Amino acid sequence: MTGVVRTPNDGARFLIDLEDCDLMGCKIFSDEKPTPPQYTLKGRNRAYTQFMNETPTGMEPYEGWPVELFQHSAPPLAPTPR
C-alpha cells in the first residue's frame, strides 16, 4: 500500500502505528509544528530522507537513492500509442 500521512495541526493528538513500512520525504515527522506526531514501530521500518535531515528514531536509514522504492511507488507507465 502506498499513501501519505499528513496533519496540518499539532501532532500531540496524532498517533501513527507503522509496521514494515518504507517512508520517504524531505523531512519525516517534521518538527516545524509545536509537537511532532507520535508513532510506534513494529517489524522493519526504513526511511529515506534528503540532504542532512535526520532519520526518525528507531527506523533504518536508506544508504543512498532507493531505486526500488521509487519504482514501486511510481504510477504505472502510460500505454504506448500505436
Foldseek 3Di string as FASTA:
>chain_A
DDDDDDDPAAQPVPEEEDEPEEEEDQEPQDVPHVHGHHYDYHYAYEYEHDDPYDDPPPHHYDPDDPVVVCVVPDDDDDDDDD
